[in-house]
């Protein structure tokens, strides 16, 4: 929104080079990056679709790690679609 990379760096607490890489899509934003940007602009991290996706995937991964047999049912459901 009209802020320079330096201003964004100051506002978010992220390094200027990190801000540049995020803006130019040179690297994907981590959860920590998204949390910093969201906080700087008064938003929840879940404002970002990528953050929501990562959160959902981590919950699924933990569930499958705790119950590997559950993956059989998931695979069958996916194959049926």
Foldseek 3Di string as FASTA:
>chain_A
DPDDLVRLCVLLVNDSVVSVCPVVVVDDDDLSRLCSNQVSVVHHSVVDVVNVVVVVVVVVVVVCVVPVVVVVVVVVVVVVD
